[in-house]
C-alpha atoms as a PDB file:
ATOM      1  CA  MET A   1     147.730 103.693  83.589  1.00  0.00           C
ATOM      2  CA  GLU A   2     146.786 107.015  82.020  1.00  0.00           C
ATOM      3  CA  VAL A   3     143.786 108.851  81.944  1.00  0.00           C
ATOM      4  CA  LYS A   4     142.619 111.717  79.692  1.00  0.00           C
ATOM      5  CA  ILE A   5     139.870 113.701  79.883  1.00  0.00           C
ATOM      6  CA  ASN A   6     139.625 115.854  76.491  1.00  0.00           C
ATOM      7  CA  MET A   7     137.533 112.957  74.794  1.00  0.00           C
ATOM      8  CA  ASN A   8     134.806 112.998  77.577  1.00  0.00           C
ATOM      9  CA  HIS A   9     136.047 110.789  80.287  1.00  0.00           C
ATOM     10  CA  TRP A  10     137.903 107.991  79.456  1.00  0.00           C
ATOM     11  CA  GLU A  11     140.571 105.415  81.469  1.00  0.00           C
ATOM     12  CA  ASP A  12     143.014 103.395  79.592  1.00  0.00           C
ATOM     13  CA  VAL A  13     144.337 100.227  81.422  1.00  0.00           C
ATOM     14  CA  ASN A  14     146.462  98.040  79.568  1.00  0.00           C
ATOM     15  CA  GLN A  15     144.372  96.360  76.856  1.00  0.00           C
ATOM     16  CA  THR A  16     140.969  97.830  78.546  1.00  0.00           C
ATOM     17  CA  ILE A  17     139.477 101.365  77.959  1.00  0.00           C
ATOM     18  CA  TRP A  18     136.613 102.474  80.144  1.00  0.00           C
ATOM     19  CA  ILE A  19     134.515 105.097  78.526  1.00  0.00           C
ATOM     20  CA  GLU A  20     132.204 107.341  80.356  1.00  0.00           C
ATOM     21  CA  THR A  21     128.610 107.234  79.542  1.00  0.00           C
ATOM     22  CA  PRO A  22     125.947 110.389  79.221  1.00  0.00           C
ATOM     23  CA  ALA A  23     122.825 109.719  81.891  1.00  0.00           C
ATOM     24  CA  GLU A  24     120.555 109.564  78.807  1.00  0.00           C
ATOM     25  CA  PHE A  25     122.286 106.207  77.438  1.00  0.00           C
ATOM     26  CA  ASN A  26     120.848 102.688  78.463  1.00  0.00           C
ATOM     27  CA  PHE A  27     123.275  99.989  77.383  1.00  0.00           C
ATOM     28  CA  ARG A  28     120.774  97.073  77.967  1.00  0.00           C
ATOM     29  CA  VAL A  29     118.343  99.068  75.767  1.00  0.00           C
ATOM     30  CA  ASN A  30     120.882  99.749  73.054  1.00  0.00           C
ATOM     31  CA  LEU A  31     121.832  95.786  73.275  1.00  0.00           C
ATOM     32  CA  ASP A  32     118.177  95.084  72.562  1.00  0.00           C
ATOM     33  CA  TYR A  33     118.313  96.793  69.210  1.00  0.00           C
ATOM     34  CA  LEU A  34     121.629  95.517  68.314  1.00  0.00           C
ATOM     35  CA  GLU A  35     120.377  91.532  69.067  1.00  0.00           C
ATOM     36  CA  ARG A  36     116.964  91.952  67.457  1.00  0.00           C
ATOM     37  CA  GLU A  37     118.065  90.313  64.345  1.00  0.00           C
ATOM     38  CA  THR A  38     119.429  86.715  64.586  1.00  0.00           C
ATOM     39  CA  ASN A  39     121.109  87.011  60.934  1.00  0.00           C
ATOM     40  CA  GLU A  40     123.379  89.550  61.724  1.00  0.00           C
ATOM     41  CA  CYS A  41     126.714  88.859  60.585  1.00  0.00           C
ATOM     42  CA  LEU A  42     128.917  92.116  61.733  1.00  0.00           C
ATOM     43  CA  HIS A  43     128.609  91.254  65.983  1.00  0.00           C
ATOM     44  CA  ASP A  44     128.080  88.912  68.015  1.00  0.00           C
ATOM     45  CA  ILE A  45     126.595  89.359  71.300  1.00  0.00           C
ATOM     46  CA  THR A  46     127.195  86.657  74.067  1.00  0.00           C
ATOM     47  CA  ASP A  47     126.549  87.269  77.868  1.00  0.00           C
ATOM     48  CA  ASP A  48     125.336  91.151  77.451  1.00  0.00           C
ATOM     49  CA  THR A  49     128.830  91.736  75.489  1.00  0.00           C
ATOM     50  CA  ILE A  50     128.826  93.087  72.070  1.00  0.00           C
ATOM     51  CA  THR A  51     132.053  91.195  70.046  1.00  0.00           C
ATOM     52  CA  LYS A  52     133.092  93.099  67.033  1.00  0.00           C
ATOM     53  CA  VAL A  53     135.966  93.733  64.463  1.00  0.00           C
ATOM     54  CA  ILE A  54     136.187  97.677  63.598  1.00  0.00           C
ATOM     55  CA  GLU A  55     138.476  99.177  61.102  1.00  0.00           C
ATOM     56  CA  THR A  56     140.615 102.762  62.155  1.00  0.00           C
ATOM     57  CA  LYS A  57     143.680 103.955  60.313  1.00  0.00           C
ATOM     58  CA  HIS A  58     144.290 100.863  58.312  1.00  0.00           C
ATOM     59  CA  LYS A  59     144.174  98.701  61.067  1.00  0.00           C
ATOM     60  CA  ARG A  60     141.336  96.379  62.233  1.00  0.00           C
ATOM     61  CA  THR A  61     140.703  95.743  65.662  1.00  0.00           C
ATOM     62  CA  LEU A  62     138.598  93.061  67.555  1.00  0.00           C
ATOM     63  CA  ILE A  63     137.014  94.722  70.760  1.00  0.00           C
ATOM     64  CA  SER A  64     134.435  93.404  73.113  1.00  0.00           C
ATOM     65  CA  VAL A  65     131.902  96.212  74.319  1.00  0.00           C
ATOM     66  CA  SER A  66     130.299  95.682  77.976  1.00  0.00           C
ATOM     67  CA  ALA A  67     128.578  97.786  80.704  1.00  0.00           C
ATOM     68  CA  PRO A  68     129.565  96.490  84.247  1.00  0.00           C
ATOM     69  CA  ASN A  69     128.244  99.743  85.468  1.00  0.00           C
ATOM     70  CA  ALA A  70     125.253 102.309  84.434  1.00  0.00           C
ATOM     71  CA  ASN A  71     127.955 104.996  84.064  1.00  0.00           C
ATOM     72  CA  SER A  72     130.559 103.366  81.584  1.00  0.00           C
ATOM     73  CA  LEU A  73     131.513 100.961  78.968  1.00  0.00           C
ATOM     74  CA  ARG A  74     134.234  98.691  79.157  1.00  0.00           C
ATOM     75  CA  VAL A  75     136.018  97.977  75.789  1.00  0.00           C
ATOM     76  CA  MET A  76     138.438  95.408  75.892  1.00  0.00           C
ATOM     77  CA  ILE A  77     140.826  94.802  72.907  1.00  0.00           C
ATOM     78  CA  LEU A  78     140.957  90.934  71.531  1.00  0.00           C
ATOM     79  CA  ALA A  79     143.375  90.950  68.701  1.00  0.00           C
ATOM     80  CA  HIS A  80     144.145  92.795  65.803  1.00  0.00           C
ATOM     81  CA  THR A  81     145.912  92.872  62.294  1.00  0.00           C
ATOM     82  CA  ASN A  82     149.054  94.684  61.309  1.00  0.00           C
ATOM     83  CA  SER A  83     151.430  94.693  64.202  1.00  0.00           C
ATOM     84  CA  GLN A  84     153.139  97.025  62.576  1.00  0.00           C
ATOM     85  CA  ILE A  85     150.764  99.694  63.132  1.00  0.00           C
ATOM     86  CA  PRO A  86     150.456 100.694  67.162  1.00  0.00           C
ATOM     87  CA  ILE A  87     146.963 100.471  68.496  1.00  0.00           C
ATOM     88  CA  ASP A  88     145.223 103.772  68.014  1.00  0.00           C
ATOM     89  CA  LYS A  89     143.237 103.945  71.012  1.00  0.00           C
ATOM     90  CA  ARG A  90     141.732 107.570  70.502  1.00  0.00           C
ATOM     91  CA  SER A  91     140.486 106.262  67.307  1.00  0.00           C
ATOM     92  CA  ILE A  92     138.937 103.475  68.715  1.00  0.00           C
ATOM     93  CA  ILE A  93     137.486 105.524  71.288  1.00  0.00           C
ATOM     94  CA  HIS A  94     136.061 107.728  68.509  1.00  0.00           C
ATOM     95  CA  TYR A  95     134.509 104.866  66.923  1.00  0.00           C
ATOM     96  CA  ILE A  96     132.811 103.741  70.042  1.00  0.00           C
ATOM     97  CA  ARG A  97     131.501 107.552  70.845  1.00  0.00           C
ATOM     98  CA  GLU A  98     130.315 107.999  67.125  1.00  0.00           C
ATOM     99  CA  TRP A  99     128.820 104.382  66.723  1.00  0.00           C
ATOM    100  CA  PHE A 100     126.364 104.996  69.999  1.00  0.00           C
ATOM    101  CA  ASP A 101     125.985 108.919  69.359  1.00  0.00           C
ATOM    102  CA  LEU A 102     127.372 109.136  72.832  1.00  0.00           C
ATOM    103  CA  ASP A 103     128.280 112.964  72.166  1.00  0.00           C
ATOM    104  CA  ASN A 104     124.639 113.860  71.610  1.00  0.00           C
ATOM    105  CA  ASN A 105     122.477 115.759  74.204  1.00  0.00           C
ATOM    106  CA  LEU A 106     119.452 113.906  74.372  1.00  0.00           C
ATOM    107  CA  ILE A 107     117.894 115.940  77.008  1.00  0.00           C
ATOM    108  CA  PRO A 108     115.922 118.734  74.802  1.00  0.00           C
ATOM    109  CA  PHE A 109     114.642 115.527  72.811  1.00  0.00           C
ATOM    110  CA  TYR A 110     113.311 113.945  75.831  1.00  0.00           C
ATOM    111  CA  GLU A 111     111.771 117.060  76.993  1.00  0.00           C
ATOM    112  CA  MET A 112     110.100 117.630  73.342  1.00  0.00           C
ATOM    113  CA  GLY A 113     109.129 114.147  73.328  1.00  0.00           C
ATOM    114  CA  ARG A 114     107.602 113.894  76.122  1.00  0.00           C
ATOM    115  CA  GLN A 115     104.916 116.498  74.905  1.00  0.00           C
ATOM    116  CA  ASP A 116     104.850 114.896  71.738  1.00  0.00           C
ATOM    117  CA  PRO A 117     101.635 112.338  71.220  1.00  0.00           C
ATOM    118  CA  LEU A 118     103.497 109.964  68.757  1.00  0.00           C
ATOM    119  CA  LEU A 119     106.966 109.802  70.890  1.00  0.00           C
ATOM    120  CA  LYS A 120     105.834 110.178  74.415  1.00  0.00           C
ATOM    121  CA  HIS A 121     105.417 105.970  74.331  1.00  0.00           C
ATOM    122  CA  PRO A 122     108.519 105.143  72.460  1.00  0.00           C
ATOM    123  CA  ILE A 123     110.480 107.360  74.632  1.00  0.00           C
ATOM    124  CA  GLU A 124     109.203 105.752  77.864  1.00  0.00           C
ATOM    125  CA  LYS A 125     109.494 102.618  76.701  1.00  0.00           C
ATOM    126  CA  PHE A 126     113.199 102.788  74.686  1.00  0.00           C
ATOM    127  CA  TYR A 127     114.661 105.578  77.226  1.00  0.00           C
ATOM    128  CA  GLY A 128     118.499 105.726  76.925  1.00  0.00           C
ATOM    129  CA  LEU A 129     117.818 104.539  73.340  1.00  0.00           C
ATOM    130  CA  ARG A 130     120.853 105.878  70.781  1.00  0.00           C
ATOM    131  CA  ASN A 131     120.551 106.299  66.980  1.00  0.00           C
ATOM    132  CA  ILE A 132     123.063 103.348  66.548  1.00  0.00           C
ATOM    133  CA  GLY A 133     125.089 104.319  63.584  1.00  0.00           C
ATOM    134  CA  LEU A 134     127.072 103.150  60.660  1.00  0.00           C
ATOM    135  CA  PRO A 135     130.226 105.015  60.921  1.00  0.00           C
ATOM    136  CA  ASN A 136     131.593 103.316  57.533  1.00  0.00           C
ATOM    137  CA  LEU A 137     129.897 105.030  54.600  1.00  0.00           C
ATOM    138  CA  PHE A 138     130.439 102.420  52.182  1.00  0.00           C
ATOM    139  CA  GLU A 139     128.879 100.039  54.558  1.00  0.00           C
ATOM    140  CA  ALA A 140     126.189 102.458  55.064  1.00  0.00           C
ATOM    141  CA  LEU A 141     125.363 103.443  51.519  1.00  0.00           C
ATOM    142  CA  CYS A 142     125.227  99.320  50.719  1.00  0.00           C
ATOM    143  CA  TRP A 143     122.910  98.661  53.391  1.00  0.00           C
ATOM    144  CA  GLY A 144     120.549 101.263  52.176  1.00  0.00           C
ATOM    145  CA  ILE A 145     120.741  99.622  49.131  1.00  0.00           C
ATOM    146  CA  LEU A 146     120.508  96.299  50.155  1.00  0.00           C
ATOM    147  CA  GLY A 147     117.116  97.244  52.008  1.00  0.00           C
ATOM    148  CA  GLN A 148     115.301  98.586  49.152  1.00  0.00           C
ATOM    149  CA  GLN A 149     111.908  97.514  48.452  1.00  0.00           C
ATOM    150  CA  ILE A 150     112.179  94.330  50.421  1.00  0.00           C
ATOM    151  CA  ASN A 151     111.506  93.331  54.459  1.00  0.00           C
ATOM    152  CA  LEU A 152     114.386  93.746  56.596  1.00  0.00           C
ATOM    153  CA  THR A 153     114.794  90.115  57.026  1.00  0.00           C
ATOM    154  CA  TYR A 154     115.224  89.332  53.719  1.00  0.00           C
ATOM    155  CA  ALA A 155     117.989  92.456  53.456  1.00  0.00           C
ATOM    156  CA  TYR A 156     119.814  90.415  56.545  1.00  0.00           C
ATOM    157  CA  THR A 157     120.004  87.840  54.220  1.00  0.00           C
ATOM    158  CA  LEU A 158     121.662  89.341  51.518  1.00  0.00           C
ATOM    159  CA  LYS A 159     123.905  91.216  53.768  1.00  0.00           C
ATOM    160  CA  ARG A 160     125.167  88.179  55.040  1.00  0.00           C
ATOM    161  CA  GLN A 161     125.753  86.621  51.695  1.00  0.00           C
ATOM    162  CA  PHE A 162     127.355  89.603  50.491  1.00  0.00           C
ATOM    163  CA  VAL A 163     129.968  89.997  53.467  1.00  0.00           C
ATOM    164  CA  GLU A 164     131.001  86.128  53.915  1.00  0.00           C
ATOM    165  CA  LYS A 165     131.347  86.209  49.814  1.00  0.00           C
ATOM    166  CA  PHE A 166     133.260  89.610  49.312  1.00  0.00           C
ATOM    167  CA  GLY A 167     134.603  90.507  53.031  1.00  0.00           C
ATOM    168  CA  GLU A 168     137.044  89.280  55.301  1.00  0.00           C
ATOM    169  CA  SER A 169     137.175  87.812  58.692  1.00  0.00           C
ATOM    170  CA  LEU A 170     139.438  88.029  61.840  1.00  0.00           C
ATOM    171  CA  GLU A 171     139.505  84.550  63.452  1.00  0.00           C
ATOM    172  CA  TYR A 172     139.337  84.390  67.455  1.00  0.00           C
ATOM    173  CA  HIS A 173     139.222  81.695  69.620  1.00  0.00           C
ATOM    174  CA  HIS A 174     138.044  79.236  66.729  1.00  0.00           C
ATOM    175  CA  GLN A 175     135.420  81.748  65.554  1.00  0.00           C
ATOM    176  CA  LYS A 176     135.148  84.188  62.502  1.00  0.00           C
ATOM    177  CA  TYR A 177     133.952  87.879  63.032  1.00  0.00           C
ATOM    178  CA  TRP A 178     133.459  89.265  59.647  1.00  0.00           C
ATOM    179  CA  ILE A 179     134.533  92.498  58.132  1.00  0.00           C
ATOM    180  CA  PHE A 180     132.067  94.601  55.867  1.00  0.00           C
ATOM    181  CA  PRO A 181     133.679  94.379  51.954  1.00  0.00           C
ATOM    182  CA  SER A 182     135.642  97.324  51.184  1.00  0.00           C
ATOM    183  CA  PHE A 183     135.118  99.280  48.036  1.00  0.00           C
ATOM    184  CA  GLU A 184     138.249  98.870  46.652  1.00  0.00           C
ATOM    185  CA  LYS A 185     137.378  95.095  46.510  1.00  0.00           C
ATOM    186  CA  VAL A 186     134.032  95.506  45.241  1.00  0.00           C
ATOM    187  CA  ALA A 187     134.793  98.359  42.688  1.00  0.00           C
ATOM    188  CA  SER A 188     136.785  95.485  40.757  1.00  0.00           C
ATOM    189  CA  LEU A 189     133.793  93.348  40.754  1.00  0.00           C
ATOM    190  CA  THR A 190     131.260  92.624  37.887  1.00  0.00           C
ATOM    191  CA  THR A 191     127.569  91.557  38.446  1.00  0.00           C
ATOM    192  CA  LYS A 192     128.486  87.898  37.423  1.00  0.00           C
ATOM    193  CA  ASP A 193     130.938  88.075  40.543  1.00  0.00           C
ATOM    194  CA  MET A 194     127.644  88.610  42.298  1.00  0.00           C
ATOM    195  CA  ALA A 195     125.330  86.771  40.653  1.00  0.00           C
ATOM    196  CA  ASP A 196     125.034  84.024  43.701  1.00  0.00           C
ATOM    197  CA  ILE A 197     124.068  86.849  45.878  1.00  0.00           C
ATOM    198  CA  LYS A 198     120.179  86.946  45.449  1.00  0.00           C
ATOM    199  CA  MET A 199     119.476  90.471  44.771  1.00  0.00           C
ATOM    200  CA  THR A 200     118.834  92.088  41.477  1.00  0.00           C
ATOM    201  CA  THR A 201     121.452  92.852  39.107  1.00  0.00           C
ATOM    202  CA  ARG A 202     120.464  96.657  39.297  1.00  0.00           C
ATOM    203  CA  LYS A 203     121.334  96.353  42.703  1.00  0.00           C
ATOM    204  CA  SER A 204     124.653  94.738  42.095  1.00  0.00           C
ATOM    205  CA  GLU A 205     125.180  97.445  39.680  1.00  0.00           C
ATOM    206  CA  TYR A 206     124.618 100.261  42.356  1.00  0.00           C
ATOM    207  CA  ILE A 207     126.936  98.907  44.858  1.00  0.00           C
ATOM    208  CA  ILE A 208     129.885  98.406  42.198  1.00  0.00           C
ATOM    209  CA  GLY A 209     128.794 101.892  40.700  1.00  0.00           C
ATOM    210  CA  ILE A 210     129.447 103.791  44.097  1.00  0.00           C
ATOM    211  CA  ALA A 211     132.410 101.577  45.088  1.00  0.00           C
ATOM    212  CA  LYS A 212     134.050 102.766  42.075  1.00  0.00           C
ATOM    213  CA  LEU A 213     133.310 106.478  43.219  1.00  0.00           C
ATOM    214  CA  MET A 214     134.927 105.901  46.410  1.00  0.00           C
ATOM    215  CA  LYS A 215     137.652 104.129  44.964  1.00  0.00           C
ATOM    216  CA  ASN A 216     138.332 107.039  43.035  1.00  0.00           C
ATOM    217  CA  LYS A 217     137.981 109.550  45.759  1.00  0.00           C
ATOM    218  CA  GLU A 218     134.788 111.054  44.112  1.00  0.00           C
ATOM    219  CA  LEU A 219     132.834 110.236  47.066  1.00  0.00           C
ATOM    220  CA  THR A 220     134.181 110.235  50.454  1.00  0.00           C
ATOM    221  CA  LYS A 221     132.708 110.936  53.597  1.00  0.00           C
ATOM    222  CA  GLU A 222     134.977 113.716  54.574  1.00  0.00           C
ATOM    223  CA  LYS A 223     133.778 115.553  51.486  1.00  0.00           C
ATOM    224  CA  LEU A 224     129.685 115.119  52.553  1.00  0.00           C
ATOM    225  CA  LEU A 225     130.627 116.311  56.091  1.00  0.00           C
ATOM    226  CA  THR A 226     132.285 119.362  54.845  1.00  0.00           C
ATOM    227  CA  ILE A 227     128.996 120.218  53.022  1.00  0.00           C
ATOM    228  CA  ASN A 228     127.452 121.623  56.345  1.00  0.00           C
ATOM    229  CA  ASP A 229     124.038 121.824  54.416  1.00  0.00           C
ATOM    230  CA  PHE A 230     121.044 119.106  54.623  1.00  0.00           C
ATOM    231  CA  LYS A 231     119.398 119.613  51.468  1.00  0.00           C
ATOM    232  CA  GLU A 232     122.978 120.366  49.695  1.00  0.00           C
ATOM    233  CA  ALA A 233     124.165 116.951  51.300  1.00  0.00           C
ATOM    234  CA  GLU A 234     120.874 115.037  50.049  1.00  0.00           C
ATOM    235  CA  LYS A 235     121.039 116.408  46.656  1.00  0.00           C
ATOM    236  CA  THR A 236     124.465 114.999  46.340  1.00  0.00           C
ATOM    237  CA  LEU A 237     123.425 111.626  47.486  1.00  0.00           C
ATOM    238  CA  VAL A 238     120.140 111.225  45.329  1.00  0.00           C
ATOM    239  CA  ASN A 239     122.622 112.509  42.063  1.00  0.00           C
ATOM    240  CA  ILE A 240     124.311 109.274  42.462  1.00  0.00           C
ATOM    241  CA  ARG A 241     122.798 106.288  40.676  1.00  0.00           C
ATOM    242  CA  GLY A 242     120.859 103.730  42.670  1.00  0.00           C
ATOM    243  CA  ILE A 243     120.286 106.312  45.851  1.00  0.00           C
ATOM    244  CA  GLY A 244     116.887 107.958  45.914  1.00  0.00           C
ATOM    245  CA  PRO A 245     115.049 110.392  48.766  1.00  0.00           C
ATOM    246  CA  TRP A 246     115.067 107.482  51.200  1.00  0.00           C
ATOM    247  CA  THR A 247     118.200 105.750  50.902  1.00  0.00           C
ATOM    248  CA  ALA A 248     119.996 109.274  50.746  1.00  0.00           C
ATOM    249  CA  ASN A 249     117.871 110.393  54.387  1.00  0.00           C
ATOM    250  CA  TYR A 250     119.044 106.795  55.495  1.00  0.00           C
ATOM    251  CA  VAL A 251     122.635 107.217  54.959  1.00  0.00           C
ATOM    252  CA  LEU A 252     122.515 110.973  56.209  1.00  0.00           C
ATOM    253  CA  MET A 253     120.676 109.951  59.418  1.00  0.00           C
ATOM    254  CA  ARG A 254     122.665 106.575  60.562  1.00  0.00           C
ATOM    255  CA  CYS A 255     126.128 107.400  58.810  1.00  0.00           C
ATOM    256  CA  LEU A 256     126.424 111.485  58.569  1.00  0.00           C
ATOM    257  CA  ARG A 257     124.412 112.110  61.646  1.00  0.00           C
ATOM    258  CA  TYR A 258     122.731 114.944  60.114  1.00  0.00           C
ATOM    259  CA  PRO A 259     119.827 115.200  62.933  1.00  0.00           C
ATOM    260  CA  THR A 260     116.989 116.664  60.536  1.00  0.00           C
ATOM    261  CA  ALA A 261     117.186 113.566  58.178  1.00  0.00           C
ATOM    262  CA  PHE A 262     113.870 112.008  57.683  1.00  0.00           C
ATOM    263  CA  PRO A 263     112.866 109.367  55.576  1.00  0.00           C
ATOM    264  CA  ILE A 264     109.263 110.349  55.552  1.00  0.00           C
ATOM    265  CA  ASP A 265     107.836 108.265  53.015  1.00  0.00           C
ATOM    266  CA  ASP A 266     109.552 105.041  54.637  1.00  0.00           C
ATOM    267  CA  VAL A 267     107.084 101.884  55.808  1.00  0.00           C
ATOM    268  CA  GLY A 268     108.200 101.542  58.603  1.00  0.00           C
ATOM    269  CA  LEU A 269     107.868 105.035  60.223  1.00  0.00           C
ATOM    270  CA  ILE A 270     104.472 105.145  58.102  1.00  0.00           C
ATOM    271  CA  SER A 271     103.416 101.652  60.208  1.00  0.00           C
ATOM    272  CA  ALA A 272     104.510 102.770  63.381  1.00  0.00           C
ATOM    273  CA  ILE A 273     102.851 106.370  63.011  1.00  0.00           C
ATOM    274  CA  LYS A 274      99.437 104.394  62.059  1.00  0.00           C
ATOM    275  CA  LEU A 275     100.133 102.257  65.139  1.00  0.00           C
ATOM    276  CA  GLN A 276     100.651 104.908  67.319  1.00  0.00           C
ATOM    277  CA  MET A 277      97.576 106.848  66.025  1.00  0.00           C
ATOM    278  CA  GLY A 278      94.946 103.648  66.279  1.00  0.00           C
ATOM    279  CA  ILE A 279      94.739 104.210  62.400  1.00  0.00           C
ATOM    280  CA  ASP A 280      94.175 101.757  59.703  1.00  0.00           C
ATOM    281  CA  ARG A 281      94.594 104.186  56.329  1.00  0.00           C
ATOM    282  CA  LYS A 282      98.022 105.395  55.246  1.00  0.00           C
ATOM    283  CA  PRO A 283      98.788 108.795  56.611  1.00  0.00           C
ATOM    284  CA  THR A 284      99.079 111.367  54.059  1.00  0.00           C
ATOM    285  CA  LYS A 285     102.631 112.562  53.584  1.00  0.00           C
ATOM    286  CA  GLU A 286     100.793 116.425  54.707  1.00  0.00           C
ATOM    287  CA  GLU A 287      99.720 114.962  57.705  1.00  0.00           C
ATOM    288  CA  ILE A 288     103.075 113.510  58.736  1.00  0.00           C
ATOM    289  CA  LEU A 289     104.713 117.065  58.232  1.00  0.00           C
ATOM    290  CA  ASN A 290     102.205 118.499  60.432  1.00  0.00           C
ATOM    291  CA  LEU A 291     102.614 115.667  63.054  1.00  0.00           C
ATOM    292  CA  SER A 292     106.273 116.263  62.947  1.00  0.00           C
ATOM    293  CA  THR A 293     106.017 120.068  63.478  1.00  0.00           C
ATOM    294  CA  ASN A 294     107.657 119.516  66.889  1.00  0.00           C
ATOM    295  CA  TRP A 295     110.058 117.284  65.879  1.00  0.00           C
ATOM    296  CA  LYS A 296     112.615 120.277  64.534  1.00  0.00           C
ATOM    297  CA  ASN A 297     116.124 118.995  64.636  1.00  0.00           C
ATOM    298  CA  TRP A 298     115.266 116.114  66.070  1.00  0.00           C
ATOM    299  CA  GLU A 299     113.815 114.029  62.849  1.00  0.00           C
ATOM    300  CA  SER A 300     116.074 111.703  63.005  1.00  0.00           C
ATOM    301  CA  TYR A 301     115.868 110.698  66.407  1.00  0.00           C
ATOM    302  CA  ALA A 302     112.239 110.624  66.270  1.00  0.00           C
ATOM    303  CA  THR A 303     112.186 108.581  63.133  1.00  0.00           C
ATOM    304  CA  PHE A 304     114.457 105.928  64.873  1.00  0.00           C
ATOM    305  CA  HIS A 305     112.309 105.744  68.182  1.00  0.00           C
ATOM    306  CA  LEU A 306     109.475 104.990  66.059  1.00  0.00           C
ATOM    307  CA  TRP A 307     110.882 102.246  63.846  1.00  0.00           C
ATOM    308  CA  ARG A 308     111.992 100.445  67.272  1.00  0.00           C
ATOM    309  CA  LEU A 309     108.470 100.332  68.064  1.00  0.00           C
ATOM    310  CA  LEU A 310     107.990  97.838  64.990  1.00  0.00           C
ATOM    311  CA  TYR A 311     112.276  96.804  64.704  1.00  0.00           C
END
């Protein structure tokens, strides 16, 4: 057994990794979020355990994540591809911490939110909820594009069609666990190849175009993370065909972890604000900006908690 303490506390016992979680984390609340949509195809939740394939350093590993106690996650390594490459447990830990945003101190958010008329209720109801991420940039961009101007249920249907047609799977105990299609594979497709998926031709063009940018290394997560300026990062994404302000902020929020990402025109956000304010009319952009004055540097978390009231 080896014990490491340099990536917050974690303990490695054979094929099981224990990761210490902060007090402001509730696995049950996050699990409820992850299982809200029965048509999700990239993870399975059974008996309060998430089973999912993750990709780290050119290796795919099937893991299960559960929380037998209140202050740690149990990550079990179930299967993997490419036996020539050793399992990199540090990368798995990094993925889990990024996925659940475990390194973010939420105490200031809660202190602010308890005094905010829009956030007080969702914070009380979903205390311990994290802005659950999409660490894979291509997946985050595709999910943002798939969700444009359609309801969430239909977006999940499109994602399943896309994943099952162009993705790969890892079989374990006679069950398939799907892996999001790689940008390398999608870059070689045409819109005709994607015709069976019930999305618009334009969305297919957008996704293929982004895949080509990533294959040519013109667009990478590493490059975006080096920008260190929210407005510049937003501008970089918006300049890509198919990515508008909403999609850019969604990716900045869920993948690149900008705390100030704020999809202010999002229909779900507006609906949640209407619900909290008890009004029937759509609040203006100026009203939303005034209401969110105290959210500075927490716009992303405020949005996620308001979304959770609806989704």
